[in-house]
Amino acid sequence: MASVEIRHDSGVAIVALAGEIDLQTSPSVRAAILETLALKQPMVIDLTAVRYIDSSGVASLVEGFQTARRQGSAFILAGVSASAMRVFQLARLDRVFALAETVPQALTQARRGAA
């Protein structure tokens, strides 16, 4: 089970994900990310409370990243757990995504326009 919470902080959209992002829950995660990206704001994806992410969850993040890049918006992952980071590293996505250790650090990056 996963939960998605969307909030805004000084012009930056924060999508906080929690639980397990898998084949069953990734469609709702994908929809939330894409709907929020339609606002054309920098975005921080808070993964602090994500316990597990599979390839479908990663695909949702990649689609969000590509959409943000096309529209010139920042897309930053924050609070990536060690297990999720291993998934990103295996797919070499740790070199693609902008990463921040904490949400406040990600907000600073987003406001500077880091993509």
PDB file of N, CA and C in Angstrom:
ATOM      1  N   MET A   1       0.839  -1.185   0.000  1.00  0.00           N
ATOM      2  CA  MET A   1       0.000   0.000   0.000  1.00  0.00           C
ATOM      3  C   MET A   1       0.876   1.237   0.000  1.00  0.00           C
ATOM      4  N   ALA A   2       0.480   2.209  -0.779  1.00  0.00           N
ATOM      5  CA  ALA A   2       1.232   3.456  -0.859  1.00  0.00           C
ATOM      6  C   ALA A   2       0.284   4.625  -0.614  1.00  0.00           C
ATOM      7  N   SER A   3       0.859   5.712  -0.131  1.00  0.00           N
ATOM      8  CA  SER A   3       0.078   6.931  -0.008  1.00  0.00           C
ATOM      9  C   SER A   3       0.826   8.046  -0.718  1.00  0.00           C
ATOM     10  N   VAL A   4       0.049   9.016  -1.194  1.00  0.00           N
ATOM     11  CA  VAL A   4       0.595  10.164  -1.901  1.00  0.00           C
ATOM     12  C   VAL A   4       0.016  11.410  -1.257  1.00  0.00           C
ATOM     13  N   GLU A   5       0.893  12.317  -0.866  1.00  0.00           N
ATOM     14  CA  GLU A   5       0.454  13.599  -0.310  1.00  0.00           C
ATOM     15  C   GLU A   5       1.132  14.700  -1.118  1.00  0.00           C
ATOM     16  N   ILE A   6       0.348  15.661  -1.569  1.00  0.00           N
ATOM     17  CA  ILE A   6       0.890  16.757  -2.363  1.00  0.00           C
ATOM     18  C   ILE A   6       0.717  18.049  -1.584  1.00  0.00           C
ATOM     19  N   ARG A   7       1.822  18.785  -1.486  1.00  0.00           N
ATOM     20  CA  ARG A   7       1.760  20.092  -0.850  1.00  0.00           C
ATOM     21  C   ARG A   7       2.650  21.050  -1.648  1.00  0.00           C
ATOM     22  N   HIS A   8       2.542  22.328  -1.334  1.00  0.00           N
ATOM     23  CA  HIS A   8       3.313  23.335  -2.064  1.00  0.00           C
ATOM     24  C   HIS A   8       4.056  24.202  -1.056  1.00  0.00           C
ATOM     25  N   ASP A   9       5.272  24.566  -1.413  1.00  0.00           N
ATOM     26  CA  ASP A   9       6.107  25.391  -0.545  1.00  0.00           C
ATOM     27  C   ASP A   9       6.788  26.440  -1.411  1.00  0.00           C
ATOM     28  N   SER A  10       6.285  27.657  -1.347  1.00  0.00           N
ATOM     29  CA  SER A  10       6.876  28.792  -2.079  1.00  0.00           C
ATOM     30  C   SER A  10       7.140  28.470  -3.549  1.00  0.00           C
ATOM     31  N   GLY A  11       6.120  27.987  -4.227  1.00  0.00           N
ATOM     32  CA  GLY A  11       6.235  27.748  -5.661  1.00  0.00           C
ATOM     33  C   GLY A  11       6.857  26.424  -6.061  1.00  0.00           C
ATOM     34  N   VAL A  12       7.124  25.561  -5.087  1.00  0.00           N
ATOM     35  CA  VAL A  12       7.667  24.233  -5.379  1.00  0.00           C
ATOM     36  C   VAL A  12       6.635  23.195  -4.943  1.00  0.00           C
ATOM     37  N   ALA A  13       6.313  22.279  -5.847  1.00  0.00           N
ATOM     38  CA  ALA A  13       5.389  21.188  -5.517  1.00  0.00           C
ATOM     39  C   ALA A  13       6.182  20.074  -4.839  1.00  0.00           C
ATOM     40  N   ILE A  14       5.657  19.579  -3.735  1.00  0.00           N
ATOM     41  CA  ILE A  14       6.283  18.467  -3.022  1.00  0.00           C
ATOM     42  C   ILE A  14       5.307  17.299  -3.060  1.00  0.00           C
ATOM     43  N   VAL A  15       5.748  16.194  -3.659  1.00  0.00           N
ATOM     44  CA  VAL A  15       4.937  14.980  -3.702  1.00  0.00           C
ATOM     45  C   VAL A  15       5.583  13.997  -2.737  1.00  0.00           C
ATOM     46  N   ALA A  16       4.923  13.802  -1.600  1.00  0.00           N
ATOM     47  CA  ALA A  16       5.446  12.907  -0.566  1.00  0.00           C
ATOM     48  C   ALA A  16       4.831  11.522  -0.751  1.00  0.00           C
ATOM     49  N   LEU A  17       5.688  10.550  -0.991  1.00  0.00           N
ATOM     50  CA  LEU A  17       5.242   9.173  -1.182  1.00  0.00           C
ATOM     51  C   LEU A  17       5.580   8.373   0.061  1.00  0.00           C
ATOM     52  N   ALA A  18       4.748   7.391   0.370  1.00  0.00           N
ATOM     53  CA  ALA A  18       4.996   6.544   1.539  1.00  0.00           C
ATOM     54  C   ALA A  18       4.540   5.131   1.240  1.00  0.00           C
ATOM     55  N   GLY A  19       5.189   4.172   1.897  1.00  0.00           N
ATOM     56  CA  GLY A  19       4.801   2.771   1.757  1.00  0.00           C
ATOM     57  C   GLY A  19       5.568   2.075   0.659  1.00  0.00           C
ATOM     58  N   GLU A  20       4.854   1.236  -0.095  1.00  0.00           N
ATOM     59  CA  GLU A  20       5.454   0.447  -1.159  1.00  0.00           C
ATOM     60  C   GLU A  20       4.956   0.932  -2.513  1.00  0.00           C
ATOM     61  N   ILE A  21       5.907   1.264  -3.381  1.00  0.00           N
ATOM     62  CA  ILE A  21       5.558   1.722  -4.725  1.00  0.00           C
ATOM     63  C   ILE A  21       5.830   0.539  -5.657  1.00  0.00           C
ATOM     64  N   ASP A  22       4.752  -0.124  -6.056  1.00  0.00           N
ATOM     65  CA  ASP A  22       4.886  -1.344  -6.848  1.00  0.00           C
ATOM     66  C   ASP A  22       3.861  -1.355  -7.979  1.00  0.00           C
ATOM     67  N   LEU A  23       3.747  -2.473  -8.646  1.00  0.00           N
ATOM     68  CA  LEU A  23       2.854  -2.587  -9.798  1.00  0.00           C
ATOM     69  C   LEU A  23       1.420  -2.174  -9.464  1.00  0.00           C
ATOM     70  N   GLN A  24       0.978  -2.463  -8.261  1.00  0.00           N
ATOM     71  CA  GLN A  24      -0.384  -2.147  -7.859  1.00  0.00           C
ATOM     72  C   GLN A  24      -0.568  -0.652  -7.567  1.00  0.00           C
ATOM     73  N   THR A  25       0.433  -0.024  -6.977  1.00  0.00           N
ATOM     74  CA  THR A  25       0.278   1.363  -6.535  1.00  0.00           C
ATOM     75  C   THR A  25       0.902   2.390  -7.472  1.00  0.00           C
ATOM     76  N   SER A  26       1.785   1.949  -8.365  1.00  0.00           N
ATOM     77  CA  SER A  26       2.478   2.925  -9.216  1.00  0.00           C
ATOM     78  C   SER A  26       1.545   3.715 -10.146  1.00  0.00           C
ATOM     79  N   PRO A  27       0.411   3.163 -10.622  1.00  0.00           N
ATOM     80  CA  PRO A  27      -0.466   3.998 -11.460  1.00  0.00           C
ATOM     81  C   PRO A  27      -0.977   5.253 -10.733  1.00  0.00           C
ATOM     82  N   SER A  28      -1.316   5.135  -9.458  1.00  0.00           N
ATOM     83  CA  SER A  28      -1.787   6.319  -8.725  1.00  0.00           C
ATOM     84  C   SER A  28      -0.633   7.286  -8.459  1.00  0.00           C
ATOM     85  N   VAL A  29       0.562   6.758  -8.232  1.00  0.00           N
ATOM     86  CA  VAL A  29       1.743   7.603  -8.048  1.00  0.00           C
ATOM     87  C   VAL A  29       2.028   8.362  -9.343  1.00  0.00           C
ATOM     88  N   ARG A  30       2.002   7.641 -10.453  1.00  0.00           N
ATOM     89  CA  ARG A  30       2.249   8.246 -11.770  1.00  0.00           C
ATOM     90  C   ARG A  30       1.242   9.363 -12.034  1.00  0.00           C
ATOM     91  N   ALA A  31      -0.032   9.088 -11.799  1.00  0.00           N
ATOM     92  CA  ALA A  31      -1.082  10.080 -12.048  1.00  0.00           C
ATOM     93  C   ALA A  31      -0.874  11.324 -11.183  1.00  0.00           C
ATOM     94  N   ALA A  32      -0.537  11.140  -9.918  1.00  0.00           N
ATOM     95  CA  ALA A  32      -0.319  12.280  -9.026  1.00  0.00           C
ATOM     96  C   ALA A  32       0.863  13.127  -9.497  1.00  0.00           C
ATOM     97  N   ILE A  33       1.938  12.472  -9.899  1.00  0.00           N
ATOM     98  CA  ILE A  33       3.122  13.203 -10.375  1.00  0.00           C
ATOM     99  C   ILE A  33       2.787  13.988 -11.645  1.00  0.00           C
ATOM    100  N   LEU A  34       2.156  13.333 -12.614  1.00  0.00           N
ATOM    101  CA  LEU A  34       1.862  14.000 -13.886  1.00  0.00           C
ATOM    102  C   LEU A  34       0.835  15.120 -13.722  1.00  0.00           C
ATOM    103  N   GLU A  35      -0.172  14.912 -12.888  1.00  0.00           N
ATOM    104  CA  GLU A  35      -1.163  15.968 -12.649  1.00  0.00           C
ATOM    105  C   GLU A  35      -0.516  17.172 -11.981  1.00  0.00           C
ATOM    106  N   THR A  36       0.390  16.921 -11.048  1.00  0.00           N
ATOM    107  CA  THR A  36       1.066  18.008 -10.357  1.00  0.00           C
ATOM    108  C   THR A  36       2.045  18.717 -11.288  1.00  0.00           C
ATOM    109  N   LEU A  37       2.705  17.972 -12.160  1.00  0.00           N
ATOM    110  CA  LEU A  37       3.612  18.591 -13.133  1.00  0.00           C
ATOM    111  C   LEU A  37       2.866  19.516 -14.088  1.00  0.00           C
ATOM    112  N   ALA A  38       1.575  19.292 -14.286  1.00  0.00           N
ATOM    113  CA  ALA A  38       0.787  20.156 -15.162  1.00  0.00           C
ATOM    114  C   ALA A  38       0.754  21.593 -14.640  1.00  0.00           C
ATOM    115  N   LEU A  39       1.060  21.789 -13.360  1.00  0.00           N
ATOM    116  CA  LEU A  39       1.128  23.135 -12.780  1.00  0.00           C
ATOM    117  C   LEU A  39       2.395  23.869 -13.198  1.00  0.00           C
ATOM    118  N   LYS A  40       3.322  23.132 -13.820  1.00  0.00           N
ATOM    119  CA  LYS A  40       4.592  23.681 -14.317  1.00  0.00           C
ATOM    120  C   LYS A  40       5.389  24.372 -13.224  1.00  0.00           C
ATOM    121  N   GLN A  41       5.485  23.693 -12.079  1.00  0.00           N
ATOM    122  CA  GLN A  41       6.305  24.159 -10.969  1.00  0.00           C
ATOM    123  C   GLN A  41       7.473  23.196 -10.791  1.00  0.00           C
ATOM    124  N   PRO A  42       8.561  23.671 -10.186  1.00  0.00           N
ATOM    125  CA  PRO A  42       9.611  22.726  -9.804  1.00  0.00           C
ATOM    126  C   PRO A  42       8.995  21.678  -8.886  1.00  0.00           C
ATOM    127  N   MET A  43       9.526  20.448  -8.920  1.00  0.00           N
ATOM    128  CA  MET A  43       8.947  19.369  -8.126  1.00  0.00           C
ATOM    129  C   MET A  43      10.011  18.649  -7.321  1.00  0.00           C
ATOM    130  N   VAL A  44       9.639  18.368  -6.074  1.00  0.00           N
ATOM    131  CA  VAL A  44      10.444  17.531  -5.194  1.00  0.00           C
ATOM    132  C   VAL A  44       9.612  16.293  -4.901  1.00  0.00           C
ATOM    133  N   ILE A  45      10.222  15.128  -5.115  1.00  0.00           N
ATOM    134  CA  ILE A  45       9.580  13.864  -4.761  1.00  0.00           C
ATOM    135  C   ILE A  45      10.206  13.403  -3.455  1.00  0.00           C
ATOM    136  N   ASP A  46       9.407  13.409  -2.391  1.00  0.00           N
ATOM    137  CA  ASP A  46       9.887  13.012  -1.064  1.00  0.00           C
ATOM    138  C   ASP A  46       9.718  11.500  -0.914  1.00  0.00           C
ATOM    139  N   LEU A  47      10.844  10.787  -0.925  1.00  0.00           N
ATOM    140  CA  LEU A  47      10.828   9.323  -0.813  1.00  0.00           C
ATOM    141  C   LEU A  47      11.217   8.846   0.582  1.00  0.00           C
ATOM    142  N   THR A  48      11.264   9.747   1.538  1.00  0.00           N
ATOM    143  CA  THR A  48      11.713   9.424   2.891  1.00  0.00           C
ATOM    144  C   THR A  48      10.955   8.237   3.491  1.00  0.00           C
ATOM    145  N   ALA A  49       9.644   8.165   3.249  1.00  0.00           N
ATOM    146  CA  ALA A  49       8.820   7.130   3.870  1.00  0.00           C
ATOM    147  C   ALA A  49       8.534   5.943   2.947  1.00  0.00           C
ATOM    148  N   VAL A  50       9.250   5.857   1.824  1.00  0.00           N
ATOM    149  CA  VAL A  50       9.054   4.732   0.898  1.00  0.00           C
ATOM    150  C   VAL A  50       9.894   3.555   1.382  1.00  0.00           C
ATOM    151  N   ARG A  51       9.219   2.445   1.650  1.00  0.00           N
ATOM    152  CA  ARG A  51       9.913   1.242   2.140  1.00  0.00           C
ATOM    153  C   ARG A  51      10.412   0.362   1.000  1.00  0.00           C
ATOM    154  N   TYR A  52       9.731   0.436  -0.145  1.00  0.00           N
ATOM    155  CA  TYR A  52      10.054  -0.456  -1.260  1.00  0.00           C
ATOM    156  C   TYR A  52       9.622   0.217  -2.551  1.00  0.00           C
ATOM    157  N   ILE A  53      10.419   0.061  -3.605  1.00  0.00           N
ATOM    158  CA  ILE A  53      10.032   0.541  -4.929  1.00  0.00           C
ATOM    159  C   ILE A  53      10.499  -0.487  -5.953  1.00  0.00           C
ATOM    160  N   ASP A  54       9.606  -0.841  -6.871  1.00  0.00           N
ATOM    161  CA  ASP A  54       9.979  -1.805  -7.913  1.00  0.00           C
ATOM    162  C   ASP A  54      10.120  -1.067  -9.246  1.00  0.00           C
ATOM    163  N   SER A  55      10.319  -1.831 -10.311  1.00  0.00           N
ATOM    164  CA  SER A  55      10.582  -1.224 -11.616  1.00  0.00           C
ATOM    165  C   SER A  55       9.410  -0.387 -12.111  1.00  0.00           C
ATOM    166  N   SER A  56       8.187  -0.747 -11.768  1.00  0.00           N
ATOM    167  CA  SER A  56       7.044   0.059 -12.211  1.00  0.00           C
ATOM    168  C   SER A  56       7.030   1.406 -11.491  1.00  0.00           C
ATOM    169  N   GLY A  57       7.430   1.409 -10.226  1.00  0.00           N
ATOM    170  CA  GLY A  57       7.547   2.668  -9.488  1.00  0.00           C
ATOM    171  C   GLY A  57       8.654   3.535 -10.050  1.00  0.00           C
ATOM    172  N   VAL A  58       9.773   2.910 -10.370  1.00  0.00           N
ATOM    173  CA  VAL A  58      10.886   3.635 -10.973  1.00  0.00           C
ATOM    174  C   VAL A  58      10.453   4.212 -12.320  1.00  0.00           C
ATOM    175  N   ALA A  59       9.704   3.436 -13.100  1.00  0.00           N
ATOM    176  CA  ALA A  59       9.221   3.916 -14.406  1.00  0.00           C
ATOM    177  C   ALA A  59       8.334   5.148 -14.238  1.00  0.00           C
ATOM    178  N   SER A  60       7.528   5.191 -13.192  1.00  0.00           N
ATOM    179  CA  SER A  60       6.687   6.362 -12.928  1.00  0.00           C
ATOM    180  C   SER A  60       7.549   7.589 -12.648  1.00  0.00           C
ATOM    181  N   LEU A  61       8.630   7.392 -11.889  1.00  0.00           N
ATOM    182  CA  LEU A  61       9.543   8.502 -11.598  1.00  0.00           C
ATOM    183  C   LEU A  61      10.273   8.958 -12.857  1.00  0.00           C
ATOM    184  N   VAL A  62      10.673   8.010 -13.680  1.00  0.00           N
ATOM    185  CA  VAL A  62      11.365   8.356 -14.927  1.00  0.00           C
ATOM    186  C   VAL A  62      10.433   9.159 -15.832  1.00  0.00           C
ATOM    187  N   GLU A  63       9.175   8.741 -15.936  1.00  0.00           N
ATOM    188  CA  GLU A  63       8.225   9.483 -16.761  1.00  0.00           C
ATOM    189  C   GLU A  63       8.034  10.899 -16.230  1.00  0.00           C
ATOM    190  N   GLY A  64       7.940  11.029 -14.918  1.00  0.00           N
ATOM    191  CA  GLY A  64       7.832  12.361 -14.314  1.00  0.00           C
ATOM    192  C   GLY A  64       9.059  13.201 -14.614  1.00  0.00           C
ATOM    193  N   PHE A  65      10.233  12.602 -14.478  1.00  0.00           N
ATOM    194  CA  PHE A  65      11.491  13.299 -14.768  1.00  0.00           C
ATOM    195  C   PHE A  65      11.515  13.792 -16.216  1.00  0.00           C
ATOM    196  N   GLN A  66      11.144  12.913 -17.151  1.00  0.00           N
ATOM    197  CA  GLN A  66      11.155  13.285 -18.572  1.00  0.00           C
ATOM    198  C   GLN A  66      10.162  14.412 -18.870  1.00  0.00           C
ATOM    199  N   THR A  67       8.995  14.337 -18.250  1.00  0.00           N
ATOM    200  CA  THR A  67       7.983  15.386 -18.435  1.00  0.00           C
ATOM    201  C   THR A  67       8.493  16.711 -17.892  1.00  0.00           C
ATOM    202  N   ALA A  68       9.079  16.683 -16.695  1.00  0.00           N
ATOM    203  CA  ALA A  68       9.615  17.909 -16.088  1.00  0.00           C
ATOM    204  C   ALA A  68      10.718  18.497 -16.959  1.00  0.00           C
ATOM    205  N   ARG A  69      11.558  17.637 -17.483  1.00  0.00           N
ATOM    206  CA  ARG A  69      12.669  18.101 -18.316  1.00  0.00           C
ATOM    207  C   ARG A  69      12.155  18.781 -19.590  1.00  0.00           C
ATOM    208  N   ARG A  70      11.128  18.172 -20.204  1.00  0.00           N
ATOM    209  CA  ARG A  70      10.545  18.769 -21.417  1.00  0.00           C
ATOM    210  C   ARG A  70       9.991  20.164 -21.147  1.00  0.00           C
ATOM    211  N   GLN A  71       9.425  20.357 -19.970  1.00  0.00           N
ATOM    212  CA  GLN A  71       8.829  21.664 -19.671  1.00  0.00           C
ATOM    213  C   GLN A  71       9.803  22.599 -18.947  1.00  0.00           C
ATOM    214  N   GLY A  72      11.031  22.140 -18.742  1.00  0.00           N
ATOM    215  CA  GLY A  72      12.051  22.992 -18.141  1.00  0.00           C
ATOM    216  C   GLY A  72      11.916  23.165 -16.644  1.00  0.00           C
ATOM    217  N   SER A  73      11.272  22.209 -15.968  1.00  0.00           N
ATOM    218  CA  SER A  73      11.082  22.279 -14.519  1.00  0.00           C
ATOM    219  C   SER A  73      12.059  21.355 -13.801  1.00  0.00           C
ATOM    220  N   ALA A  74      12.443  21.759 -12.612  1.00  0.00           N
ATOM    221  CA  ALA A  74      13.289  20.904 -11.777  1.00  0.00           C
ATOM    222  C   ALA A  74      12.469  19.699 -11.300  1.00  0.00           C
ATOM    223  N   PHE A  75      13.147  18.565 -11.139  1.00  0.00           N
ATOM    224  CA  PHE A  75      12.529  17.324 -10.655  1.00  0.00           C
ATOM    225  C   PHE A  75      13.589  16.656  -9.785  1.00  0.00           C
ATOM    226  N   ILE A  76      13.402  16.708  -8.487  1.00  0.00           N
ATOM    227  CA  ILE A  76      14.438  16.274  -7.552  1.00  0.00           C
ATOM    228  C   ILE A  76      13.880  15.211  -6.613  1.00  0.00           C
ATOM    229  N   LEU A  77      14.635  14.135  -6.434  1.00  0.00           N
ATOM    230  CA  LEU A  77      14.264  13.083  -5.493  1.00  0.00           C
ATOM    231  C   LEU A  77      14.954  13.364  -4.167  1.00  0.00           C
ATOM    232  N   ALA A  78      14.197  13.309  -3.084  1.00  0.00           N
ATOM    233  CA  ALA A  78      14.741  13.586  -1.761  1.00  0.00           C
ATOM    234  C   ALA A  78      14.514  12.398  -0.829  1.00  0.00           C
ATOM    235  N   GLY A  79      15.468  12.173   0.056  1.00  0.00           N
ATOM    236  CA  GLY A  79      15.316  11.158   1.096  1.00  0.00           C
ATOM    237  C   GLY A  79      15.269   9.743   0.561  1.00  0.00           C
ATOM    238  N   VAL A  80      16.083   9.455  -0.445  1.00  0.00           N
ATOM    239  CA  VAL A  80      16.085   8.117  -1.052  1.00  0.00           C
ATOM    240  C   VAL A  80      16.731   7.126  -0.081  1.00  0.00           C
ATOM    241  N   SER A  81      15.997   6.070   0.257  1.00  0.00           N
ATOM    242  CA  SER A  81      16.521   5.055   1.177  1.00  0.00           C
ATOM    243  C   SER A  81      17.642   4.260   0.519  1.00  0.00           C
ATOM    244  N   ALA A  82      18.392   3.554   1.340  1.00  0.00           N
ATOM    245  CA  ALA A  82      19.498   2.740   0.811  1.00  0.00           C
ATOM    246  C   ALA A  82      18.990   1.681  -0.159  1.00  0.00           C
ATOM    247  N   SER A  83      17.859   1.052   0.157  1.00  0.00           N
ATOM    248  CA  SER A  83      17.340  -0.002  -0.732  1.00  0.00           C
ATOM    249  C   SER A  83      16.866   0.590  -2.061  1.00  0.00           C
ATOM    250  N   ALA A  84      16.206   1.751  -2.016  1.00  0.00           N
ATOM    251  CA  ALA A  84      15.772   2.392  -3.256  1.00  0.00           C
ATOM    252  C   ALA A  84      16.987   2.869  -4.051  1.00  0.00           C
ATOM    253  N   MET A  85      18.002   3.365  -3.351  1.00  0.00           N
ATOM    254  CA  MET A  85      19.199   3.833  -4.045  1.00  0.00           C
ATOM    255  C   MET A  85      19.876   2.686  -4.787  1.00  0.00           C
ATOM    256  N   ARG A  86      19.855   1.486  -4.222  1.00  0.00           N
ATOM    257  CA  ARG A  86      20.430   0.335  -4.916  1.00  0.00           C
ATOM    258  C   ARG A  86      19.707   0.083  -6.235  1.00  0.00           C
ATOM    259  N   VAL A  87      18.388   0.212  -6.221  1.00  0.00           N
ATOM    260  CA  VAL A  87      17.606   0.040  -7.454  1.00  0.00           C
ATOM    261  C   VAL A  87      18.026   1.097  -8.476  1.00  0.00           C
ATOM    262  N   PHE A  88      18.132   2.355  -8.039  1.00  0.00           N
ATOM    263  CA  PHE A  88      18.536   3.433  -8.948  1.00  0.00           C
ATOM    264  C   PHE A  88      19.947   3.201  -9.477  1.00  0.00           C
ATOM    265  N   GLN A  89      20.847   2.732  -8.617  1.00  0.00           N
ATOM    266  CA  GLN A  89      22.223   2.495  -9.034  1.00  0.00           C
ATOM    267  C   GLN A  89      22.319   1.360 -10.045  1.00  0.00           C
ATOM    268  N   LEU A  90      21.560   0.290  -9.818  1.00  0.00           N
ATOM    269  CA  LEU A  90      21.560  -0.831 -10.761  1.00  0.00           C
ATOM    270  C   LEU A  90      21.118  -0.388 -12.151  1.00  0.00           C
ATOM    271  N   ALA A  91      20.157   0.515 -12.182  1.00  0.00           N
ATOM    272  CA  ALA A  91      19.648   1.023 -13.462  1.00  0.00           C
ATOM    273  C   ALA A  91      20.433   2.255 -13.937  1.00  0.00           C
ATOM    274  N   ARG A  92      21.449   2.625 -13.175  1.00  0.00           N
ATOM    275  CA  ARG A  92      22.274   3.811 -13.451  1.00  0.00           C
ATOM    276  C   ARG A  92      21.460   5.103 -13.440  1.00  0.00           C
ATOM    277  N   LEU A  93      20.341   5.087 -12.745  1.00  0.00           N
ATOM    278  CA  LEU A  93      19.504   6.277 -12.663  1.00  0.00           C
ATOM    279  C   LEU A  93      19.996   7.251 -11.602  1.00  0.00           C
ATOM    280  N   ASP A  94      20.905   6.786 -10.750  1.00  0.00           N
ATOM    281  CA  ASP A  94      21.492   7.703  -9.775  1.00  0.00           C
ATOM    282  C   ASP A  94      22.304   8.785 -10.481  1.00  0.00           C
ATOM    283  N   ARG A  95      22.653   8.543 -11.743  1.00  0.00           N
ATOM    284  CA  ARG A  95      23.388   9.521 -12.551  1.00  0.00           C
ATOM    285  C   ARG A  95      22.449  10.410 -13.354  1.00  0.00           C
ATOM    286  N   VAL A  96      21.167  10.044 -13.393  1.00  0.00           N
ATOM    287  CA  VAL A  96      20.182  10.771 -14.186  1.00  0.00           C
ATOM    288  C   VAL A  96      19.374  11.728 -13.308  1.00  0.00           C
ATOM    289  N   PHE A  97      18.848  11.200 -12.208  1.00  0.00           N
ATOM    290  CA  PHE A  97      18.023  12.012 -11.311  1.00  0.00           C
ATOM    291  C   PHE A  97      18.869  12.994 -10.519  1.00  0.00           C
ATOM    292  N   ALA A  98      18.298  14.169 -10.259  1.00  0.00           N
ATOM    293  CA  ALA A  98      18.870  15.076  -9.271  1.00  0.00           C
ATOM    294  C   ALA A  98      18.449  14.512  -7.915  1.00  0.00           C
ATOM    295  N   LEU A  99      19.414  14.350  -7.004  1.00  0.00           N
ATOM    296  CA  LEU A  99      19.153  13.735  -5.709  1.00  0.00           C
ATOM    297  C   LEU A  99      19.530  14.692  -4.586  1.00  0.00           C
ATOM    298  N   ALA A 100      18.766  14.630  -3.510  1.00  0.00           N
ATOM    299  CA  ALA A 100      19.065  15.405  -2.311  1.00  0.00           C
ATOM    300  C   ALA A 100      18.830  14.502  -1.105  1.00  0.00           C
ATOM    301  N   GLU A 101      19.624  14.691  -0.078  1.00  0.00           N
ATOM    302  CA  GLU A 101      19.470  13.860   1.118  1.00  0.00           C
ATOM    303  C   GLU A 101      18.185  14.161   1.864  1.00  0.00           C
ATOM    304  N   THR A 102      17.783  15.441   1.885  1.00  0.00           N
ATOM    305  CA  THR A 102      16.601  15.843   2.647  1.00  0.00           C
ATOM    306  C   THR A 102      15.689  16.706   1.785  1.00  0.00           C
ATOM    307  N   VAL A 103      14.459  16.838   2.222  1.00  0.00           N
ATOM    308  CA  VAL A 103      13.505  17.693   1.512  1.00  0.00           C
ATOM    309  C   VAL A 103      13.961  19.158   1.542  1.00  0.00           C
ATOM    310  N   PRO A 104      14.409  19.692   2.683  1.00  0.00           N
ATOM    311  CA  PRO A 104      14.886  21.087   2.663  1.00  0.00           C
ATOM    312  C   PRO A 104      16.031  21.310   1.655  1.00  0.00           C
ATOM    313  N   GLN A 105      16.947  20.367   1.555  1.00  0.00           N
ATOM    314  CA  GLN A 105      18.024  20.494   0.566  1.00  0.00           C
ATOM    315  C   GLN A 105      17.454  20.466  -0.854  1.00  0.00           C
ATOM    316  N   ALA A 106      16.481  19.596  -1.082  1.00  0.00           N
ATOM    317  CA  ALA A 106      15.850  19.506  -2.405  1.00  0.00           C
ATOM    318  C   ALA A 106      15.117  20.802  -2.741  1.00  0.00           C
ATOM    319  N   LEU A 107      14.454  21.390  -1.752  1.00  0.00           N
ATOM    320  CA  LEU A 107      13.754  22.658  -1.997  1.00  0.00           C
ATOM    321  C   LEU A 107      14.735  23.752  -2.399  1.00  0.00           C
ATOM    322  N   THR A 108      15.888  23.791  -1.746  1.00  0.00           N
ATOM    323  CA  THR A 108      16.918  24.763  -2.100  1.00  0.00           C
ATOM    324  C   THR A 108      17.378  24.546  -3.540  1.00  0.00           C
ATOM    325  N   GLN A 109      17.629  23.276  -3.911  1.00  0.00           N
ATOM    326  CA  GLN A 109      18.032  22.950  -5.290  1.00  0.00           C
ATOM    327  C   GLN A 109      16.941  23.371  -6.274  1.00  0.00           C
ATOM    328  N   ALA A 110      15.689  23.062  -5.950  1.00  0.00           N
ATOM    329  CA  ALA A 110      14.573  23.344  -6.861  1.00  0.00           C
ATOM    330  C   ALA A 110      14.435  24.850  -7.090  1.00  0.00           C
ATOM    331  N   ARG A 111      14.618  25.615  -6.042  1.00  0.00           N
ATOM    332  CA  ARG A 111      14.479  27.067  -6.173  1.00  0.00           C
ATOM    333  C   ARG A 111      15.617  27.659  -6.990  1.00  0.00           C
ATOM    334  N   ARG A 112      16.752  26.963  -7.017  1.00  0.00           N
ATOM    335  CA  ARG A 112      17.880  27.415  -7.841  1.00  0.00           C
ATOM    336  C   ARG A 112      17.706  26.978  -9.294  1.00  0.00           C
ATOM    337  N   GLY A 113      16.720  26.102  -9.533  1.00  0.00           N
ATOM    338  CA  GLY A 113      16.449  25.658 -10.898  1.00  0.00           C
ATOM    339  C   GLY A 113      17.217  24.432 -11.311  1.00  0.00           C
ATOM    340  N   ALA A 114      17.742  23.663 -10.341  1.00  0.00           N
ATOM    341  CA  ALA A 114      18.458  22.429 -10.685  1.00  0.00           C
ATOM    342  C   ALA A 114      17.471  21.458 -11.311  1.00  0.00           C
ATOM    343  N   ALA A 115      17.812  20.941 -12.457  1.00  0.00           N
ATOM    344  CA  ALA A 115      16.907  20.002 -13.139  1.00  0.00           C
ATOM    345  C   ALA A 115      17.388  18.589 -12.992  1.00  0.00           C
TER     346      ALA A 115
END
